[in-house]
Amino acid sequence: MTGKRFVDSNILVYAYDQNAPVKSKQAQIIIEGLVKEGQGVISTQVLTEFFNVVTRKLKPSLPIPFALDRARHFMDIFQVLGVTPDVLREACRGVEEYRLSFLDAQIWSTAHKNGISVIISEDLADQAEIEGVKFINPFPPSA
């Protein structure tokens, strides 16, 4: 496993969420730290989810040109992994064996297939571990 850290879309979204100032600041600190250390990894799935949420679900939403700029920025500062057929097959196994949602299973599978041992995400139980991949929730329970 590498020292890289896989960043889920919710971390990227929170960096721009005006309705969650504590999480927003924490997300910005996480992103800056990963860039400084050269350890951040995302996937094409994460970029897709980020763009969809910040332009359609986030209130107030980000203007499309700004959201595109941010997506390009993330492509520049993080290593971007593709969602391949092998990742999707492994994600199916994650759904069957570990009862993950299909989107969470793709995140886990992408990290697992690429030797990344840590996923930073709000979505799964903090410190949960599946086949050597640990999920870290960076937000305190009160945030």
C-alpha atoms as a PDB file:
ATOM      1  CA  MET A   1       0.000   0.000   0.000  1.00  0.00           C
ATOM      2  CA  THR A   2       1.121   3.546  -0.722  1.00  0.00           C
ATOM      3  CA  GLY A   3       1.173   6.631   1.501  1.00  0.00           C
ATOM      4  CA  LYS A   4      -1.409   8.199  -0.799  1.00  0.00           C
ATOM      5  CA  ARG A   5      -4.828   9.255   0.525  1.00  0.00           C
ATOM      6  CA  PHE A   6      -7.993   8.854  -1.535  1.00  0.00           C
ATOM      7  CA  VAL A   7     -10.306  11.857  -1.211  1.00  0.00           C
ATOM      8  CA  ASP A   8     -14.049  11.264  -1.530  1.00  0.00           C
ATOM      9  CA  SER A   9     -16.272  13.827  -3.247  1.00  0.00           C
ATOM     10  CA  ASN A  10     -17.913  14.933   0.001  1.00  0.00           C
ATOM     11  CA  ILE A  11     -14.601  16.432   1.148  1.00  0.00           C
ATOM     12  CA  LEU A  12     -14.299  18.430  -2.089  1.00  0.00           C
ATOM     13  CA  VAL A  13     -17.934  19.562  -1.844  1.00  0.00           C
ATOM     14  CA  TYR A  14     -17.604  20.701   1.762  1.00  0.00           C
ATOM     15  CA  ALA A  15     -14.728  22.962   0.759  1.00  0.00           C
ATOM     16  CA  TYR A  16     -17.383  25.088  -1.010  1.00  0.00           C
ATOM     17  CA  ASP A  17     -20.381  24.561   1.275  1.00  0.00           C
ATOM     18  CA  GLN A  18     -21.351  27.888   2.840  1.00  0.00           C
ATOM     19  CA  ASN A  19     -23.931  26.131   5.035  1.00  0.00           C
ATOM     20  CA  ALA A  20     -21.346  24.053   6.905  1.00  0.00           C
ATOM     21  CA  PRO A  21     -18.565  26.477   7.895  1.00  0.00           C
ATOM     22  CA  VAL A  22     -16.766  24.105  10.280  1.00  0.00           C
ATOM     23  CA  LYS A  23     -16.686  21.270   7.752  1.00  0.00           C
ATOM     24  CA  SER A  24     -15.805  23.708   4.978  1.00  0.00           C
ATOM     25  CA  LYS A  25     -12.730  24.953   6.824  1.00  0.00           C
ATOM     26  CA  GLN A  26     -11.686  21.397   7.758  1.00  0.00           C
ATOM     27  CA  ALA A  27     -12.101  20.255   4.135  1.00  0.00           C
ATOM     28  CA  GLN A  28      -9.948  23.141   2.919  1.00  0.00           C
ATOM     29  CA  ILE A  29      -7.236  22.242   5.456  1.00  0.00           C
ATOM     30  CA  ILE A  30      -7.330  18.592   4.340  1.00  0.00           C
ATOM     31  CA  ILE A  31      -7.039  19.515   0.666  1.00  0.00           C
ATOM     32  CA  GLU A  32      -4.179  21.953   1.306  1.00  0.00           C
ATOM     33  CA  GLY A  33      -2.318  19.378   3.394  1.00  0.00           C
ATOM     34  CA  LEU A  34      -2.650  16.650   0.798  1.00  0.00           C
ATOM     35  CA  VAL A  35      -1.449  18.978  -1.936  1.00  0.00           C
ATOM     36  CA  LYS A  36       1.510  20.093   0.159  1.00  0.00           C
ATOM     37  CA  GLU A  37       2.441  16.460   0.855  1.00  0.00           C
ATOM     38  CA  GLY A  38       1.690  15.290  -2.701  1.00  0.00           C
ATOM     39  CA  GLN A  39      -0.524  12.518  -1.326  1.00  0.00           C
ATOM     40  CA  GLY A  40      -3.985  13.320  -2.681  1.00  0.00           C
ATOM     41  CA  VAL A  41      -5.758  10.959  -5.052  1.00  0.00           C
ATOM     42  CA  ILE A  42      -9.238  11.215  -6.555  1.00  0.00           C
ATOM     43  CA  SER A  43     -11.075   9.341  -9.276  1.00  0.00           C
ATOM     44  CA  THR A  44     -13.130  10.260 -12.291  1.00  0.00           C
ATOM     45  CA  GLN A  45     -16.157   9.207 -10.224  1.00  0.00           C
ATOM     46  CA  VAL A  46     -15.233  11.724  -7.504  1.00  0.00           C
ATOM     47  CA  LEU A  47     -14.979  14.534 -10.064  1.00  0.00           C
ATOM     48  CA  THR A  48     -18.371  13.599 -11.524  1.00  0.00           C
ATOM     49  CA  GLU A  49     -20.020  13.489  -8.101  1.00  0.00           C
ATOM     50  CA  PHE A  50     -18.375  16.789  -7.088  1.00  0.00           C
ATOM     51  CA  PHE A  51     -19.620  18.605 -10.190  1.00  0.00           C
ATOM     52  CA  ASN A  52     -23.132  17.193  -9.895  1.00  0.00           C
ATOM     53  CA  VAL A  53     -23.506  18.098  -6.224  1.00  0.00           C
ATOM     54  CA  VAL A  54     -22.052  21.611  -6.346  1.00  0.00           C
ATOM     55  CA  THR A  55     -24.072  22.621  -9.409  1.00  0.00           C
ATOM     56  CA  ARG A  56     -27.374  20.876  -8.632  1.00  0.00           C
ATOM     57  CA  LYS A  57     -27.709  20.016  -4.954  1.00  0.00           C
ATOM     58  CA  LEU A  58     -25.604  22.514  -3.021  1.00  0.00           C
ATOM     59  CA  LYS A  59     -27.520  25.622  -1.954  1.00  0.00           C
ATOM     60  CA  PRO A  60     -26.405  28.092  -3.032  1.00  0.00           C
ATOM     61  CA  SER A  61     -25.035  26.160  -5.973  1.00  0.00           C
ATOM     62  CA  LEU A  62     -21.778  27.039  -7.644  1.00  0.00           C
ATOM     63  CA  PRO A  63     -21.996  28.668 -11.081  1.00  0.00           C
ATOM     64  CA  ILE A  64     -21.120  26.140 -13.771  1.00  0.00           C
ATOM     65  CA  PRO A  65     -18.020  28.024 -15.017  1.00  0.00           C
ATOM     66  CA  PHE A  66     -16.638  28.163 -11.466  1.00  0.00           C
ATOM     67  CA  ALA A  67     -17.466  24.491 -10.830  1.00  0.00           C
ATOM     68  CA  LEU A  68     -15.675  23.548 -14.051  1.00  0.00           C
ATOM     69  CA  ASP A  69     -12.686  25.622 -12.962  1.00  0.00           C
ATOM     70  CA  ARG A  70     -12.642  23.813  -9.600  1.00  0.00           C
ATOM     71  CA  ALA A  71     -12.902  20.397 -11.304  1.00  0.00           C
ATOM     72  CA  ARG A  72      -9.950  21.293 -13.539  1.00  0.00           C
ATOM     73  CA  HIS A  73      -8.074  22.549 -10.487  1.00  0.00           C
ATOM     74  CA  PHE A  74      -8.613  19.207  -8.701  1.00  0.00           C
ATOM     75  CA  MET A  75      -7.359  17.405 -11.810  1.00  0.00           C
ATOM     76  CA  ASP A  76      -4.205  19.512 -11.629  1.00  0.00           C
ATOM     77  CA  ILE A  77      -3.481  19.105  -7.920  1.00  0.00           C
ATOM     78  CA  PHE A  78      -4.460  15.457  -7.359  1.00  0.00           C
ATOM     79  CA  GLN A  79      -3.603  12.211  -9.062  1.00  0.00           C
ATOM     80  CA  VAL A  80      -6.754  11.132 -10.924  1.00  0.00           C
ATOM     81  CA  LEU A  81      -7.585   7.440 -11.248  1.00  0.00           C
ATOM     82  CA  GLY A  82     -10.049   6.041 -13.748  1.00  0.00           C
ATOM     83  CA  VAL A  83     -12.991   3.818 -13.014  1.00  0.00           C
ATOM     84  CA  THR A  84     -12.099   0.758 -15.059  1.00  0.00           C
ATOM     85  CA  PRO A  85     -13.980  -2.487 -15.688  1.00  0.00           C
ATOM     86  CA  ASP A  86     -11.740  -4.158 -13.064  1.00  0.00           C
ATOM     87  CA  VAL A  87     -12.684  -1.473 -10.537  1.00  0.00           C
ATOM     88  CA  LEU A  88     -16.367  -2.006 -11.340  1.00  0.00           C
ATOM     89  CA  ARG A  89     -16.060  -5.793 -10.953  1.00  0.00           C
ATOM     90  CA  GLU A  90     -14.367  -5.313  -7.588  1.00  0.00           C
ATOM     91  CA  ALA A  91     -17.087  -2.805  -6.625  1.00  0.00           C
ATOM     92  CA  CYS A  92     -19.710  -5.468  -7.325  1.00  0.00           C
ATOM     93  CA  ARG A  93     -17.875  -7.715  -4.878  1.00  0.00           C
ATOM     94  CA  GLY A  94     -17.833  -4.855  -2.356  1.00  0.00           C
ATOM     95  CA  VAL A  95     -21.603  -4.583  -2.620  1.00  0.00           C
ATOM     96  CA  GLU A  96     -22.110  -8.338  -2.287  1.00  0.00           C
ATOM     97  CA  GLU A  97     -19.578  -9.094   0.454  1.00  0.00           C
ATOM     98  CA  TYR A  98     -19.556  -5.884   2.484  1.00  0.00           C
ATOM     99  CA  ARG A  99     -23.009  -4.442   1.759  1.00  0.00           C
ATOM    100  CA  LEU A 100     -21.562  -1.143   0.535  1.00  0.00           C
ATOM    101  CA  SER A 101     -23.643   1.109  -1.674  1.00  0.00           C
ATOM    102  CA  PHE A 102     -22.464   0.820  -5.269  1.00  0.00           C
ATOM    103  CA  LEU A 103     -20.946   4.327  -5.241  1.00  0.00           C
ATOM    104  CA  ASP A 104     -19.104   3.680  -1.967  1.00  0.00           C
ATOM    105  CA  ALA A 105     -17.996   0.299  -3.322  1.00  0.00           C
ATOM    106  CA  GLN A 106     -16.468   2.041  -6.367  1.00  0.00           C
ATOM    107  CA  ILE A 107     -14.529   4.381  -4.071  1.00  0.00           C
ATOM    108  CA  TRP A 108     -13.287   1.442  -1.992  1.00  0.00           C
ATOM    109  CA  SER A 109     -12.489  -0.605  -5.088  1.00  0.00           C
ATOM    110  CA  THR A 110     -10.553   2.206  -6.773  1.00  0.00           C
ATOM    111  CA  ALA A 111      -8.433   2.661  -3.656  1.00  0.00           C
ATOM    112  CA  HIS A 112      -7.996  -1.090  -3.137  1.00  0.00           C
ATOM    113  CA  LYS A 113      -7.027  -1.803  -6.747  1.00  0.00           C
ATOM    114  CA  ASN A 114      -4.463   1.029  -6.677  1.00  0.00           C
ATOM    115  CA  GLY A 115      -2.824   0.162  -3.352  1.00  0.00           C
ATOM    116  CA  ILE A 116      -4.213   3.139  -1.435  1.00  0.00           C
ATOM    117  CA  SER A 117      -4.779   2.280   2.210  1.00  0.00           C
ATOM    118  CA  VAL A 118      -6.747   5.337   3.388  1.00  0.00           C
ATOM    119  CA  ILE A 119      -9.990   6.876   2.140  1.00  0.00           C
ATOM    120  CA  ILE A 120     -10.960  10.250   3.576  1.00  0.00           C
ATOM    121  CA  SER A 121     -14.751  10.343   3.559  1.00  0.00           C
ATOM    122  CA  GLU A 122     -17.710  11.252   5.692  1.00  0.00           C
ATOM    123  CA  ASP A 123     -19.765   8.390   4.257  1.00  0.00           C
ATOM    124  CA  LEU A 124     -18.568   5.291   6.082  1.00  0.00           C
ATOM    125  CA  ALA A 125     -17.872   4.553   9.716  1.00  0.00           C
ATOM    126  CA  ASP A 126     -14.714   6.229  10.973  1.00  0.00           C
ATOM    127  CA  GLN A 127     -11.867   3.740  11.256  1.00  0.00           C
ATOM    128  CA  ALA A 128     -13.786   1.004   9.422  1.00  0.00           C
ATOM    129  CA  GLU A 129     -11.395  -1.161   7.430  1.00  0.00           C
ATOM    130  CA  ILE A 130     -12.049  -3.438   4.473  1.00  0.00           C
ATOM    131  CA  GLU A 131      -9.233  -5.576   3.114  1.00  0.00           C
ATOM    132  CA  GLY A 132      -6.521  -3.182   4.242  1.00  0.00           C
ATOM    133  CA  VAL A 133      -8.329   0.010   3.198  1.00  0.00           C
ATOM    134  CA  LYS A 134      -9.279   2.238   6.152  1.00  0.00           C
ATOM    135  CA  PHE A 135     -12.013   4.859   6.089  1.00  0.00           C
ATOM    136  CA  ILE A 136     -11.249   8.068   7.964  1.00  0.00           C
ATOM    137  CA  ASN A 137     -14.028  10.560   8.745  1.00  0.00           C
ATOM    138  CA  PRO A 138     -12.188  13.855   9.297  1.00  0.00           C
ATOM    139  CA  PHE A 139     -15.145  15.664  10.796  1.00  0.00           C
ATOM    140  CA  PRO A 140     -15.846  15.715  14.517  1.00  0.00           C
ATOM    141  CA  PRO A 141     -19.307  14.397  15.469  1.00  0.00           C
ATOM    142  CA  SER A 142     -20.476  17.894  16.408  1.00  0.00           C
ATOM    143  CA  ALA A 143     -19.440  19.486  13.077  1.00  0.00           C
END
